[in-house]
Amino acid sequence: MSGNFSEIVEEMKALSSEEKQELHHLLEKYLIEERRDEIHDSYIHSLTELNEGKLEFSNDTDELKGMLLND
Protein backbone atom coordinates (compact mmCIF):
# COMPACT_ATOMS: atom_id res chain seq x y z
CA MET A 1 0.00 0.00 0.00
CA SER A 2 2.81 2.43 0.74
CA GLY A 3 3.76 2.44 -2.94
CA ASN A 4 0.20 3.23 -3.95
CA PHE A 5 -0.12 5.80 -1.19
CA SER A 6 3.02 7.66 -2.20
CA GLU A 7 1.84 7.63 -5.82
CA ILE A 8 -1.48 9.11 -4.75
CA VAL A 9 0.28 11.79 -2.71
CA GLU A 10 2.44 12.71 -5.69
CA GLU A 11 -0.61 12.89 -7.94
CA MET A 12 -2.38 15.08 -5.38
CA LYS A 13 0.51 17.52 -5.44
CA ALA A 14 -0.03 17.99 -9.16
CA LEU A 15 -3.71 18.89 -8.79
CA SER A 16 -4.97 22.43 -9.10
CA SER A 17 -6.03 24.30 -5.98
CA GLU A 18 -9.67 23.83 -6.93
CA GLU A 19 -9.20 20.07 -7.38
CA LYS A 20 -7.38 19.84 -4.03
CA GLN A 21 -10.25 21.66 -2.33
CA GLU A 22 -12.77 19.29 -3.90
CA LEU A 23 -10.68 16.31 -2.83
CA HIS A 24 -10.51 17.73 0.70
CA HIS A 25 -14.28 18.10 0.73
CA LEU A 26 -14.76 14.52 -0.49
CA LEU A 27 -12.33 13.12 2.08
CA GLU A 28 -14.13 14.92 4.91
CA LYS A 29 -17.44 13.57 3.63
CA TYR A 30 -16.10 9.99 3.42
CA LEU A 31 -14.58 10.19 6.90
CA ILE A 32 -17.89 11.40 8.32
CA GLU A 33 -19.72 8.54 6.59
CA GLU A 34 -17.21 6.02 7.97
CA ARG A 35 -17.62 7.39 11.49
CA ARG A 36 -21.41 7.21 11.19
CA ASP A 37 -21.08 3.58 10.12
CA GLU A 38 -18.84 2.86 13.13
CA ILE A 39 -21.35 4.49 15.48
CA HIS A 40 -24.20 2.54 13.91
CA ASP A 41 -22.28 -0.75 14.19
CA SER A 42 -21.55 0.01 17.84
CA TYR A 43 -25.23 0.75 18.43
CA ILE A 44 -26.28 -2.55 16.83
CA HIS A 45 -23.67 -4.41 18.87
CA SER A 46 -24.92 -2.76 22.06
CA LEU A 47 -28.52 -3.65 21.25
CA THR A 48 -27.49 -7.26 20.71
CA GLU A 49 -25.67 -7.34 24.04
CA LEU A 50 -28.67 -5.73 25.74
CA ASN A 51 -31.04 -8.31 24.26
CA GLU A 52 -28.70 -11.13 25.33
CA GLY A 53 -28.54 -9.75 28.87
CA LYS A 54 -24.80 -9.12 28.68
CA LEU A 55 -24.94 -5.46 29.73
CA GLU A 56 -24.64 -4.37 33.32
CA PHE A 57 -25.97 -1.08 34.64
CA SER A 58 -25.17 0.80 37.81
CA ASN A 59 -25.31 4.28 39.25
CA ASP A 60 -22.65 3.48 41.86
CA THR A 61 -19.40 5.09 40.69
CA ASP A 62 -17.19 2.63 42.56
CA GLU A 63 -19.02 -0.28 40.95
CA LEU A 64 -18.71 1.35 37.53
CA LYS A 65 -14.97 1.82 38.01
CA GLY A 66 -14.71 -1.86 38.93
CA MET A 67 -16.62 -2.83 35.79
CA LEU A 68 -14.23 -0.79 33.67
CA LEU A 69 -11.16 -2.34 35.29
CA ASN A 70 -12.50 -5.85 34.77
CA ASP A 71 -12.92 -5.43 31.00
PDB file of N, CA and C in Angstrom:
ATOM      1  N   MET A   1       0.813  -1.199   0.000  1.00  0.00           N
ATOM      2  CA  MET A   1       0.000   0.000   0.000  1.00  0.00           C
ATOM      3  C   MET A   1       0.853   1.257   0.000  1.00  0.00           C
ATOM      4  N   SER A   2       2.003   1.220   0.645  1.00  0.00           N
ATOM      5  CA  SER A   2       2.807   2.434   0.740  1.00  0.00           C
ATOM      6  C   SER A   2       3.213   2.939  -0.639  1.00  0.00           C
ATOM      7  N   GLY A   3       3.440   2.019  -1.585  1.00  0.00           N
ATOM      8  CA  GLY A   3       3.755   2.444  -2.940  1.00  0.00           C
ATOM      9  C   GLY A   3       2.585   3.163  -3.564  1.00  0.00           C
ATOM     10  N   ASN A   4       1.409   2.592  -3.424  1.00  0.00           N
ATOM     11  CA  ASN A   4       0.201   3.229  -3.946  1.00  0.00           C
ATOM     12  C   ASN A   4      -0.059   4.553  -3.261  1.00  0.00           C
ATOM     13  N   PHE A   5       0.125   4.578  -1.945  1.00  0.00           N
ATOM     14  CA  PHE A   5      -0.122   5.798  -1.188  1.00  0.00           C
ATOM     15  C   PHE A   5       0.807   6.916  -1.647  1.00  0.00           C
ATOM     16  N   SER A   6       2.079   6.616  -1.784  1.00  0.00           N
ATOM     17  CA  SER A   6       3.025   7.657  -2.205  1.00  0.00           C
ATOM     18  C   SER A   6       2.716   8.128  -3.627  1.00  0.00           C
ATOM     19  N   GLU A   7       2.241   7.223  -4.471  1.00  0.00           N
ATOM     20  CA  GLU A   7       1.844   7.629  -5.820  1.00  0.00           C
ATOM     21  C   GLU A   7       0.646   8.570  -5.760  1.00  0.00           C
ATOM     22  N   ILE A   8      -0.301   8.249  -4.896  1.00  0.00           N
ATOM     23  CA  ILE A   8      -1.482   9.105  -4.746  1.00  0.00           C
ATOM     24  C   ILE A   8      -1.075  10.483  -4.238  1.00  0.00           C
ATOM     25  N   VAL A   9      -0.181  10.507  -3.256  1.00  0.00           N
ATOM     26  CA  VAL A   9       0.284  11.790  -2.714  1.00  0.00           C
ATOM     27  C   VAL A   9       0.950  12.615  -3.806  1.00  0.00           C
ATOM     28  N   GLU A  10       1.769  11.981  -4.609  1.00  0.00           N
ATOM     29  CA  GLU A  10       2.436  12.707  -5.693  1.00  0.00           C
ATOM     30  C   GLU A  10       1.424  13.235  -6.710  1.00  0.00           C
ATOM     31  N   GLU A  11       0.417  12.434  -7.008  1.00  0.00           N
ATOM     32  CA  GLU A  11      -0.613  12.886  -7.944  1.00  0.00           C
ATOM     33  C   GLU A  11      -1.416  14.039  -7.352  1.00  0.00           C
ATOM     34  N   MET A  12      -1.651  13.991  -6.037  1.00  0.00           N
ATOM     35  CA  MET A  12      -2.379  15.081  -5.384  1.00  0.00           C
ATOM     36  C   MET A  12      -1.605  16.392  -5.482  1.00  0.00           C
ATOM     37  N   LYS A  13      -0.307  16.310  -5.356  1.00  0.00           N
ATOM     38  CA  LYS A  13       0.514  17.520  -5.438  1.00  0.00           C
ATOM     39  C   LYS A  13       0.335  18.223  -6.778  1.00  0.00           C
ATOM     40  N   ALA A  14       0.078  17.435  -7.809  1.00  0.00           N
ATOM     41  CA  ALA A  14      -0.030  17.993  -9.158  1.00  0.00           C
ATOM     42  C   ALA A  14      -1.406  18.579  -9.445  1.00  0.00           C
ATOM     43  N   LEU A  15      -2.361  18.379  -8.567  1.00  0.00           N
ATOM     44  CA  LEU A  15      -3.710  18.894  -8.789  1.00  0.00           C
ATOM     45  C   LEU A  15      -3.756  20.404  -8.643  1.00  0.00           C
ATOM     46  N   SER A  16      -4.758  20.989  -9.261  1.00  0.00           N
ATOM     47  CA  SER A  16      -4.966  22.433  -9.102  1.00  0.00           C
ATOM     48  C   SER A  16      -5.519  22.693  -7.703  1.00  0.00           C
ATOM     49  N   SER A  17      -5.497  23.934  -7.292  1.00  0.00           N
ATOM     50  CA  SER A  17      -6.033  24.296  -5.977  1.00  0.00           C
ATOM     51  C   SER A  17      -7.505  23.927  -5.872  1.00  0.00           C
ATOM     52  N   GLU A  18      -8.251  24.166  -6.929  1.00  0.00           N
ATOM     53  CA  GLU A  18      -9.674  23.835  -6.932  1.00  0.00           C
ATOM     54  C   GLU A  18      -9.878  22.321  -6.781  1.00  0.00           C
ATOM     55  N   GLU A  19      -9.091  21.535  -7.472  1.00  0.00           N
ATOM     56  CA  GLU A  19      -9.196  20.075  -7.375  1.00  0.00           C
ATOM     57  C   GLU A  19      -8.807  19.583  -5.975  1.00  0.00           C
ATOM     58  N   LYS A  20      -7.789  20.212  -5.398  1.00  0.00           N
ATOM     59  CA  LYS A  20      -7.384  19.842  -4.034  1.00  0.00           C
ATOM     60  C   LYS A  20      -8.494  20.164  -3.039  1.00  0.00           C
ATOM     61  N   GLN A  21      -9.150  21.299  -3.211  1.00  0.00           N
ATOM     62  CA  GLN A  21     -10.248  21.662  -2.325  1.00  0.00           C
ATOM     63  C   GLN A  21     -11.405  20.680  -2.463  1.00  0.00           C
ATOM     64  N   GLU A  22     -11.709  20.272  -3.672  1.00  0.00           N
ATOM     65  CA  GLU A  22     -12.774  19.293  -3.898  1.00  0.00           C
ATOM     66  C   GLU A  22     -12.400  17.950  -3.278  1.00  0.00           C
ATOM     67  N   LEU A  23     -11.160  17.551  -3.437  1.00  0.00           N
ATOM     68  CA  LEU A  23     -10.685  16.308  -2.834  1.00  0.00           C
ATOM     69  C   LEU A  23     -10.778  16.382  -1.313  1.00  0.00           C
ATOM     70  N   HIS A  24     -10.410  17.515  -0.747  1.00  0.00           N
ATOM     71  CA  HIS A  24     -10.511  17.732   0.698  1.00  0.00           C
ATOM     72  C   HIS A  24     -11.963  17.582   1.153  1.00  0.00           C
ATOM     73  N   HIS A  25     -12.865  18.188   0.412  1.00  0.00           N
ATOM     74  CA  HIS A  25     -14.285  18.103   0.733  1.00  0.00           C
ATOM     75  C   HIS A  25     -14.760  16.644   0.676  1.00  0.00           C
ATOM     76  N   LEU A  26     -14.361  15.928  -0.349  1.00  0.00           N
ATOM     77  CA  LEU A  26     -14.761  14.523  -0.489  1.00  0.00           C
ATOM     78  C   LEU A  26     -14.203  13.661   0.641  1.00  0.00           C
ATOM     79  N   LEU A  27     -12.941  13.886   1.001  1.00  0.00           N
ATOM     80  CA  LEU A  27     -12.333  13.116   2.082  1.00  0.00           C
ATOM     81  C   LEU A  27     -13.057  13.364   3.407  1.00  0.00           C
ATOM     82  N   GLU A  28     -13.380  14.609   3.686  1.00  0.00           N
ATOM     83  CA  GLU A  28     -14.126  14.915   4.908  1.00  0.00           C
ATOM     84  C   GLU A  28     -15.474  14.197   4.906  1.00  0.00           C
ATOM     85  N   LYS A  29     -16.148  14.225   3.763  1.00  0.00           N
ATOM     86  CA  LYS A  29     -17.442  13.565   3.628  1.00  0.00           C
ATOM     87  C   LYS A  29     -17.306  12.059   3.864  1.00  0.00           C
ATOM     88  N   TYR A  30     -16.303  11.436   3.261  1.00  0.00           N
ATOM     89  CA  TYR A  30     -16.096   9.990   3.417  1.00  0.00           C
ATOM     90  C   TYR A  30     -15.743   9.625   4.854  1.00  0.00           C
ATOM     91  N   LEU A  31     -14.935  10.449   5.504  1.00  0.00           N
ATOM     92  CA  LEU A  31     -14.582  10.193   6.905  1.00  0.00           C
ATOM     93  C   LEU A  31     -15.805  10.300   7.813  1.00  0.00           C
ATOM     94  N   ILE A  32     -16.658  11.262   7.534  1.00  0.00           N
ATOM     95  CA  ILE A  32     -17.889  11.402   8.318  1.00  0.00           C
ATOM     96  C   ILE A  32     -18.774  10.179   8.122  1.00  0.00           C
ATOM     97  N   GLU A  33     -18.908   9.721   6.878  1.00  0.00           N
ATOM     98  CA  GLU A  33     -19.720   8.542   6.593  1.00  0.00           C
ATOM     99  C   GLU A  33     -19.163   7.307   7.309  1.00  0.00           C
ATOM    100  N   GLU A  34     -17.837   7.153   7.290  1.00  0.00           N
ATOM    101  CA  GLU A  34     -17.214   6.017   7.973  1.00  0.00           C
ATOM    102  C   GLU A  34     -17.484   6.069   9.472  1.00  0.00           C
ATOM    103  N   ARG A  35     -17.376   7.257  10.053  1.00  0.00           N
ATOM    104  CA  ARG A  35     -17.620   7.394  11.491  1.00  0.00           C
ATOM    105  C   ARG A  35     -19.077   7.084  11.825  1.00  0.00           C
ATOM    106  N   ARG A  36     -19.989   7.531  10.984  1.00  0.00           N
ATOM    107  CA  ARG A  36     -21.409   7.206  11.189  1.00  0.00           C
ATOM    108  C   ARG A  36     -21.622   5.694  11.159  1.00  0.00           C
ATOM    109  N   ASP A  37     -20.967   5.033  10.209  1.00  0.00           N
ATOM    110  CA  ASP A  37     -21.080   3.576  10.124  1.00  0.00           C
ATOM    111  C   ASP A  37     -20.541   2.911  11.387  1.00  0.00           C
ATOM    112  N   GLU A  38     -19.417   3.410  11.899  1.00  0.00           N
ATOM    113  CA  GLU A  38     -18.842   2.858  13.133  1.00  0.00           C
ATOM    114  C   GLU A  38     -19.806   3.039  14.302  1.00  0.00           C
ATOM    115  N   ILE A  39     -20.406   4.223  14.399  1.00  0.00           N
ATOM    116  CA  ILE A  39     -21.354   4.489  15.479  1.00  0.00           C
ATOM    117  C   ILE A  39     -22.569   3.579  15.351  1.00  0.00           C
ATOM    118  N   HIS A  40     -23.048   3.411  14.131  1.00  0.00           N
ATOM    119  CA  HIS A  40     -24.202   2.538  13.908  1.00  0.00           C
ATOM    120  C   HIS A  40     -23.868   1.093  14.266  1.00  0.00           C
ATOM    121  N   ASP A  41     -22.701   0.621  13.855  1.00  0.00           N
ATOM    122  CA  ASP A  41     -22.279  -0.747  14.191  1.00  0.00           C
ATOM    123  C   ASP A  41     -22.183  -0.931  15.701  1.00  0.00           C
ATOM    124  N   SER A  42     -21.659   0.067  16.387  1.00  0.00           N
ATOM    125  CA  SER A  42     -21.550   0.006  17.842  1.00  0.00           C
ATOM    126  C   SER A  42     -22.935  -0.040  18.475  1.00  0.00           C
ATOM    127  N   TYR A  43     -23.849   0.735  17.941  1.00  0.00           N
ATOM    128  CA  TYR A  43     -25.229   0.751  18.426  1.00  0.00           C
ATOM    129  C   TYR A  43     -25.868  -0.630  18.258  1.00  0.00           C
ATOM    130  N   ILE A  44     -25.718  -1.218  17.091  1.00  0.00           N
ATOM    131  CA  ILE A  44     -26.282  -2.549  16.828  1.00  0.00           C
ATOM    132  C   ILE A  44     -25.656  -3.576  17.768  1.00  0.00           C
ATOM    133  N   HIS A  45     -24.361  -3.491  17.960  1.00  0.00           N
ATOM    134  CA  HIS A  45     -23.669  -4.414  18.867  1.00  0.00           C
ATOM    135  C   HIS A  45     -24.202  -4.250  20.296  1.00  0.00           C
ATOM    136  N   SER A  46     -24.403  -3.018  20.721  1.00  0.00           N
ATOM    137  CA  SER A  46     -24.921  -2.757  22.060  1.00  0.00           C
ATOM    138  C   SER A  46     -26.340  -3.293  22.222  1.00  0.00           C
ATOM    139  N   LEU A  47     -27.169  -3.114  21.194  1.00  0.00           N
ATOM    140  CA  LEU A  47     -28.523  -3.652  21.245  1.00  0.00           C
ATOM    141  C   LEU A  47     -28.514  -5.170  21.380  1.00  0.00           C
ATOM    142  N   THR A  48     -27.609  -5.809  20.636  1.00  0.00           N
ATOM    143  CA  THR A  48     -27.485  -7.262  20.708  1.00  0.00           C
ATOM    144  C   THR A  48     -27.091  -7.685  22.110  1.00  0.00           C
ATOM    145  N   GLU A  49     -26.095  -7.011  22.682  1.00  0.00           N
ATOM    146  CA  GLU A  49     -25.669  -7.335  24.045  1.00  0.00           C
ATOM    147  C   GLU A  49     -26.785  -7.083  25.049  1.00  0.00           C
ATOM    148  N   LEU A  50     -27.554  -6.025  24.854  1.00  0.00           N
ATOM    149  CA  LEU A  50     -28.675  -5.728  25.741  1.00  0.00           C
ATOM    150  C   LEU A  50     -29.713  -6.844  25.667  1.00  0.00           C
ATOM    151  N   ASN A  51     -30.049  -7.253  24.450  1.00  0.00           N
ATOM    152  CA  ASN A  51     -31.041  -8.307  24.264  1.00  0.00           C
ATOM    153  C   ASN A  51     -30.568  -9.657  24.793  1.00  0.00           C
ATOM    154  N   GLU A  52     -29.260  -9.872  24.817  1.00  0.00           N
ATOM    155  CA  GLU A  52     -28.702 -11.125  25.330  1.00  0.00           C
ATOM    156  C   GLU A  52     -28.445 -11.058  26.832  1.00  0.00           C
ATOM    157  N   GLY A  53     -28.729  -9.916  27.437  1.00  0.00           N
ATOM    158  CA  GLY A  53     -28.542  -9.748  28.874  1.00  0.00           C
ATOM    159  C   GLY A  53     -27.091  -9.639  29.302  1.00  0.00           C
ATOM    160  N   LYS A  54     -26.232  -9.217  28.387  1.00  0.00           N
ATOM    161  CA  LYS A  54     -24.801  -9.122  28.681  1.00  0.00           C
ATOM    162  C   LYS A  54     -24.396  -7.767  29.267  1.00  0.00           C
ATOM    163  N   LEU A  55     -25.288  -6.788  29.234  1.00  0.00           N
ATOM    164  CA  LEU A  55     -24.942  -5.456  29.728  1.00  0.00           C
ATOM    165  C   LEU A  55     -25.276  -5.338  31.204  1.00  0.00           C
ATOM    166  N   GLU A  56     -24.406  -4.635  31.907  1.00  0.00           N
ATOM    167  CA  GLU A  56     -24.636  -4.369  33.318  1.00  0.00           C
ATOM    168  C   GLU A  56     -24.793  -2.869  33.508  1.00  0.00           C
ATOM    169  N   PHE A  57     -25.721  -2.487  34.365  1.00  0.00           N
ATOM    170  CA  PHE A  57     -25.975  -1.076  34.639  1.00  0.00           C
ATOM    171  C   PHE A  57     -25.787  -0.806  36.123  1.00  0.00           C
ATOM    172  N   SER A  58     -25.333   0.406  36.412  1.00  0.00           N
ATOM    173  CA  SER A  58     -25.172   0.800  37.807  1.00  0.00           C
ATOM    174  C   SER A  58     -25.085   2.315  37.894  1.00  0.00           C
ATOM    175  N   ASN A  59     -25.507   2.855  39.016  1.00  0.00           N
ATOM    176  CA  ASN A  59     -25.311   4.284  39.248  1.00  0.00           C
ATOM    177  C   ASN A  59     -24.314   4.509  40.383  1.00  0.00           C
ATOM    178  N   ASP A  60     -23.691   3.430  40.826  1.00  0.00           N
ATOM    179  CA  ASP A  60     -22.653   3.476  41.860  1.00  0.00           C
ATOM    180  C   ASP A  60     -21.301   3.651  41.171  1.00  0.00           C
ATOM    181  N   THR A  61     -20.650   4.800  41.398  1.00  0.00           N
ATOM    182  CA  THR A  61     -19.401   5.095  40.688  1.00  0.00           C
ATOM    183  C   THR A  61     -18.298   4.088  40.996  1.00  0.00           C
ATOM    184  N   ASP A  62     -18.215   3.618  42.229  1.00  0.00           N
ATOM    185  CA  ASP A  62     -17.189   2.625  42.557  1.00  0.00           C
ATOM    186  C   ASP A  62     -17.430   1.326  41.793  1.00  0.00           C
ATOM    187  N   GLU A  63     -18.680   0.939  41.691  1.00  0.00           N
ATOM    188  CA  GLU A  63     -19.024  -0.276  40.947  1.00  0.00           C
ATOM    189  C   GLU A  63     -18.717  -0.099  39.472  1.00  0.00           C
ATOM    190  N   LEU A  64     -19.016   1.078  38.922  1.00  0.00           N
ATOM    191  CA  LEU A  64     -18.711   1.348  37.533  1.00  0.00           C
ATOM    192  C   LEU A  64     -17.207   1.294  37.256  1.00  0.00           C
ATOM    193  N   LYS A  65     -16.431   1.873  38.160  1.00  0.00           N
ATOM    194  CA  LYS A  65     -14.969   1.819  38.012  1.00  0.00           C
ATOM    195  C   LYS A  65     -14.498   0.367  38.013  1.00  0.00           C
ATOM    196  N   GLY A  66     -15.065  -0.437  38.895  1.00  0.00           N
ATOM    197  CA  GLY A  66     -14.709  -1.859  38.929  1.00  0.00           C
ATOM    198  C   GLY A  66     -15.061  -2.566  37.650  1.00  0.00           C
ATOM    199  N   MET A  67     -16.222  -2.229  37.069  1.00  0.00           N
ATOM    200  CA  MET A  67     -16.620  -2.828  35.791  1.00  0.00           C
ATOM    201  C   MET A  67     -15.627  -2.476  34.690  1.00  0.00           C
ATOM    202  N   LEU A  68     -15.185  -1.229  34.678  1.00  0.00           N
ATOM    203  CA  LEU A  68     -14.227  -0.794  33.667  1.00  0.00           C
ATOM    204  C   LEU A  68     -12.884  -1.496  33.816  1.00  0.00           C
ATOM    205  N   LEU A  69     -12.452  -1.689  35.031  1.00  0.00           N
ATOM    206  CA  LEU A  69     -11.165  -2.336  35.285  1.00  0.00           C
ATOM    207  C   LEU A  69     -11.208  -3.814  34.940  1.00  0.00           C
ATOM    208  N   ASN A  70     -12.369  -4.424  35.044  1.00  0.00           N
ATOM    209  CA  ASN A  70     -12.500  -5.854  34.768  1.00  0.00           C
ATOM    210  C   ASN A  70     -12.563  -6.169  33.274  1.00  0.00           C
ATOM    211  N   ASP A  71     -12.815  -5.179  32.443  1.00  0.00           N
ATOM    212  CA  ASP A  71     -12.916  -5.428  31.003  1.00  0.00           C
ATOM    213  C   ASP A  71     -11.605  -5.467  30.334  1.00  0.00           C
TER     214      ASP A  71
END
